[in-house]
């Protein structure tokens, strides 16, 4: 897996590799507003995970980029999520799916 120095570099490369959709995290699914698409945990695979931590240990700058592919192969995108203090609430199934990487 590719190692990135920062989030901008990671997002740029993932976009170039076809991860063009932007997902947001809902408690029980991933949602892409531009396509009104919802993916439940059983509908997608996390193909890559990239963690970024602040050098000053500030929780404001801790984030994870997930490269997401739908199981039918039609949709690829990214989910950028904070972790630690600012992590989003989610169901057990979503937490399990995202932590399995």
C-alpha atoms as a PDB file:
ATOM      1  CA  UNK A   1       0.000   0.000   0.000  1.00  0.00           C
ATOM      2  CA  UNK A   2       1.158   3.515  -0.801  1.00  0.00           C
ATOM      3  CA  UNK A   3       2.340   5.729   2.087  1.00  0.00           C
ATOM      4  CA  UNK A   4       1.388   9.408   1.885  1.00  0.00           C
ATOM      5  CA  UNK A   5       2.988  12.406   3.590  1.00  0.00           C
ATOM      6  CA  UNK A   6      -0.284  14.292   3.969  1.00  0.00           C
ATOM      7  CA  UNK A   7      -4.015  14.097   3.336  1.00  0.00           C
ATOM      8  CA  UNK A   8      -3.934  16.333   0.246  1.00  0.00           C
ATOM      9  CA  UNK A   9      -1.456  14.020  -1.475  1.00  0.00           C
ATOM     10  CA  UNK A  10      -3.507  10.953  -0.512  1.00  0.00           C
ATOM     11  CA  UNK A  11      -6.795  12.390  -1.770  1.00  0.00           C
ATOM     12  CA  UNK A  12      -5.237  13.560  -5.034  1.00  0.00           C
ATOM     13  CA  UNK A  13      -3.756  10.126  -5.753  1.00  0.00           C
ATOM     14  CA  UNK A  14      -6.942   8.271  -4.796  1.00  0.00           C
ATOM     15  CA  UNK A  15      -8.973  10.540  -7.102  1.00  0.00           C
ATOM     16  CA  UNK A  16      -6.545   9.808  -9.944  1.00  0.00           C
ATOM     17  CA  UNK A  17      -7.056   6.093  -9.287  1.00  0.00           C
ATOM     18  CA  UNK A  18     -10.820   6.404  -9.678  1.00  0.00           C
ATOM     19  CA  UNK A  19     -12.030   7.035  -6.128  1.00  0.00           C
ATOM     20  CA  UNK A  20     -14.131   9.967  -7.316  1.00  0.00           C
ATOM     21  CA  UNK A  21     -17.095   9.929  -4.943  1.00  0.00           C
ATOM     22  CA  UNK A  22     -17.183  11.692  -1.568  1.00  0.00           C
ATOM     23  CA  UNK A  23     -18.856   9.655   1.146  1.00  0.00           C
ATOM     24  CA  UNK A  24     -20.062  10.932   4.473  1.00  0.00           C
ATOM     25  CA  UNK A  25     -20.596   8.736   7.487  1.00  0.00           C
ATOM     26  CA  UNK A  26     -24.113   8.214   8.774  1.00  0.00           C
ATOM     27  CA  UNK A  27     -24.724   6.038  11.841  1.00  0.00           C
ATOM     28  CA  UNK A  28     -25.738   2.980   9.770  1.00  0.00           C
ATOM     29  CA  UNK A  29     -24.310   3.575   6.275  1.00  0.00           C
ATOM     30  CA  UNK A  30     -22.089   5.606   3.978  1.00  0.00           C
ATOM     31  CA  UNK A  31     -23.836   8.327   1.978  1.00  0.00           C
ATOM     32  CA  UNK A  32     -22.819  10.055  -1.268  1.00  0.00           C
ATOM     33  CA  UNK A  33     -24.913  13.219  -1.659  1.00  0.00           C
ATOM     34  CA  UNK A  34     -24.003  13.818  -5.321  1.00  0.00           C
ATOM     35  CA  UNK A  35     -25.559  10.481  -6.287  1.00  0.00           C
ATOM     36  CA  UNK A  36     -28.069  10.085  -3.439  1.00  0.00           C
ATOM     37  CA  UNK A  37     -26.395   6.735  -2.788  1.00  0.00           C
ATOM     38  CA  UNK A  38     -26.402   4.863   0.509  1.00  0.00           C
ATOM     39  CA  UNK A  39     -24.110   1.911   1.125  1.00  0.00           C
ATOM     40  CA  UNK A  40     -24.812  -0.352   4.101  1.00  0.00           C
ATOM     41  CA  UNK A  41     -21.867  -2.246   5.651  1.00  0.00           C
ATOM     42  CA  UNK A  42     -22.663  -5.354   3.611  1.00  0.00           C
ATOM     43  CA  UNK A  43     -22.630  -3.310   0.363  1.00  0.00           C
ATOM     44  CA  UNK A  44     -19.033  -2.020   0.373  1.00  0.00           C
ATOM     45  CA  UNK A  45     -15.403  -2.934   0.937  1.00  0.00           C
ATOM     46  CA  UNK A  46     -12.689  -0.762   2.443  1.00  0.00           C
ATOM     47  CA  UNK A  47      -9.818  -1.229  -0.002  1.00  0.00           C
ATOM     48  CA  UNK A  48      -7.301   1.095   1.676  1.00  0.00           C
ATOM     49  CA  UNK A  49      -6.952   2.984   4.947  1.00  0.00           C
ATOM     50  CA  UNK A  50      -4.623   5.925   5.546  1.00  0.00           C
ATOM     51  CA  UNK A  51      -4.237   7.473   9.015  1.00  0.00           C
ATOM     52  CA  UNK A  52      -2.925  10.967   9.603  1.00  0.00           C
ATOM     53  CA  UNK A  53      -1.945  12.330  13.010  1.00  0.00           C
ATOM     54  CA  UNK A  54      -0.912  15.805  13.997  1.00  0.00           C
ATOM     55  CA  UNK A  55       2.713  16.259  15.011  1.00  0.00           C
ATOM     56  CA  UNK A  56       1.541  18.346  17.964  1.00  0.00           C
ATOM     57  CA  UNK A  57      -0.912  15.614  19.108  1.00  0.00           C
ATOM     58  CA  UNK A  58      -3.850  17.925  18.485  1.00  0.00           C
ATOM     59  CA  UNK A  59      -7.046  15.880  18.083  1.00  0.00           C
ATOM     60  CA  UNK A  60      -8.267  18.500  15.582  1.00  0.00           C
ATOM     61  CA  UNK A  61      -5.822  17.131  13.011  1.00  0.00           C
ATOM     62  CA  UNK A  62      -6.319  13.382  13.461  1.00  0.00           C
ATOM     63  CA  UNK A  63      -8.122  11.801  10.527  1.00  0.00           C
ATOM     64  CA  UNK A  64      -8.503   8.607   8.547  1.00  0.00           C
ATOM     65  CA  UNK A  65      -9.063   8.369   4.796  1.00  0.00           C
ATOM     66  CA  UNK A  66     -10.887   5.235   3.710  1.00  0.00           C
ATOM     67  CA  UNK A  67     -10.849   4.183   0.042  1.00  0.00           C
ATOM     68  CA  UNK A  68     -14.282   2.614  -0.524  1.00  0.00           C
ATOM     69  CA  UNK A  69     -15.509   0.325  -3.312  1.00  0.00           C
ATOM     70  CA  UNK A  70     -19.079  -0.875  -3.642  1.00  0.00           C
ATOM     71  CA  UNK A  71     -19.353  -4.644  -3.858  1.00  0.00           C
ATOM     72  CA  UNK A  72     -21.013  -4.394  -7.276  1.00  0.00           C
ATOM     73  CA  UNK A  73     -17.921  -2.551  -8.591  1.00  0.00           C
ATOM     74  CA  UNK A  74     -19.904   0.462  -9.833  1.00  0.00           C
ATOM     75  CA  UNK A  75     -18.945   3.022  -7.180  1.00  0.00           C
ATOM     76  CA  UNK A  76     -15.587   4.089  -5.760  1.00  0.00           C
ATOM     77  CA  UNK A  77     -14.922   6.957  -3.421  1.00  0.00           C
ATOM     78  CA  UNK A  78     -13.378   8.209  -0.220  1.00  0.00           C
ATOM     79  CA  UNK A  79     -14.540   8.730   3.322  1.00  0.00           C
ATOM     80  CA  UNK A  80     -12.554  11.208   5.407  1.00  0.00           C
ATOM     81  CA  UNK A  81     -13.304  10.780   9.081  1.00  0.00           C
ATOM     82  CA  UNK A  82     -11.912  12.214  12.292  1.00  0.00           C
ATOM     83  CA  UNK A  83     -10.938   9.851  15.042  1.00  0.00           C
ATOM     84  CA  UNK A  84     -10.446  10.269  18.720  1.00  0.00           C
ATOM     85  CA  UNK A  85     -12.365  13.137  20.315  1.00  0.00           C
ATOM     86  CA  UNK A  86     -14.226  14.076  17.136  1.00  0.00           C
ATOM     87  CA  UNK A  87     -15.122  10.601  15.878  1.00  0.00           C
ATOM     88  CA  UNK A  88     -18.640  10.160  14.502  1.00  0.00           C
ATOM     89  CA  UNK A  89     -21.227   7.946  16.172  1.00  0.00           C
ATOM     90  CA  UNK A  90     -22.132   4.794  14.266  1.00  0.00           C
ATOM     91  CA  UNK A  91     -23.776   1.416  14.626  1.00  0.00           C
ATOM     92  CA  UNK A  92     -21.797  -1.607  15.740  1.00  0.00           C
ATOM     93  CA  UNK A  93     -21.906  -2.981  12.176  1.00  0.00           C
ATOM     94  CA  UNK A  94     -20.427   0.207  10.692  1.00  0.00           C
ATOM     95  CA  UNK A  95     -17.765   0.423  13.405  1.00  0.00           C
ATOM     96  CA  UNK A  96     -16.820  -3.204  12.795  1.00  0.00           C
ATOM     97  CA  UNK A  97     -16.604  -2.686   9.027  1.00  0.00           C
ATOM     98  CA  UNK A  98     -14.404   0.411   9.303  1.00  0.00           C
ATOM     99  CA  UNK A  99     -12.158  -1.004  12.025  1.00  0.00           C
ATOM    100  CA  UNK A 100     -11.515  -4.252  10.125  1.00  0.00           C
ATOM    101  CA  UNK A 101      -8.904  -2.545   7.957  1.00  0.00           C
END
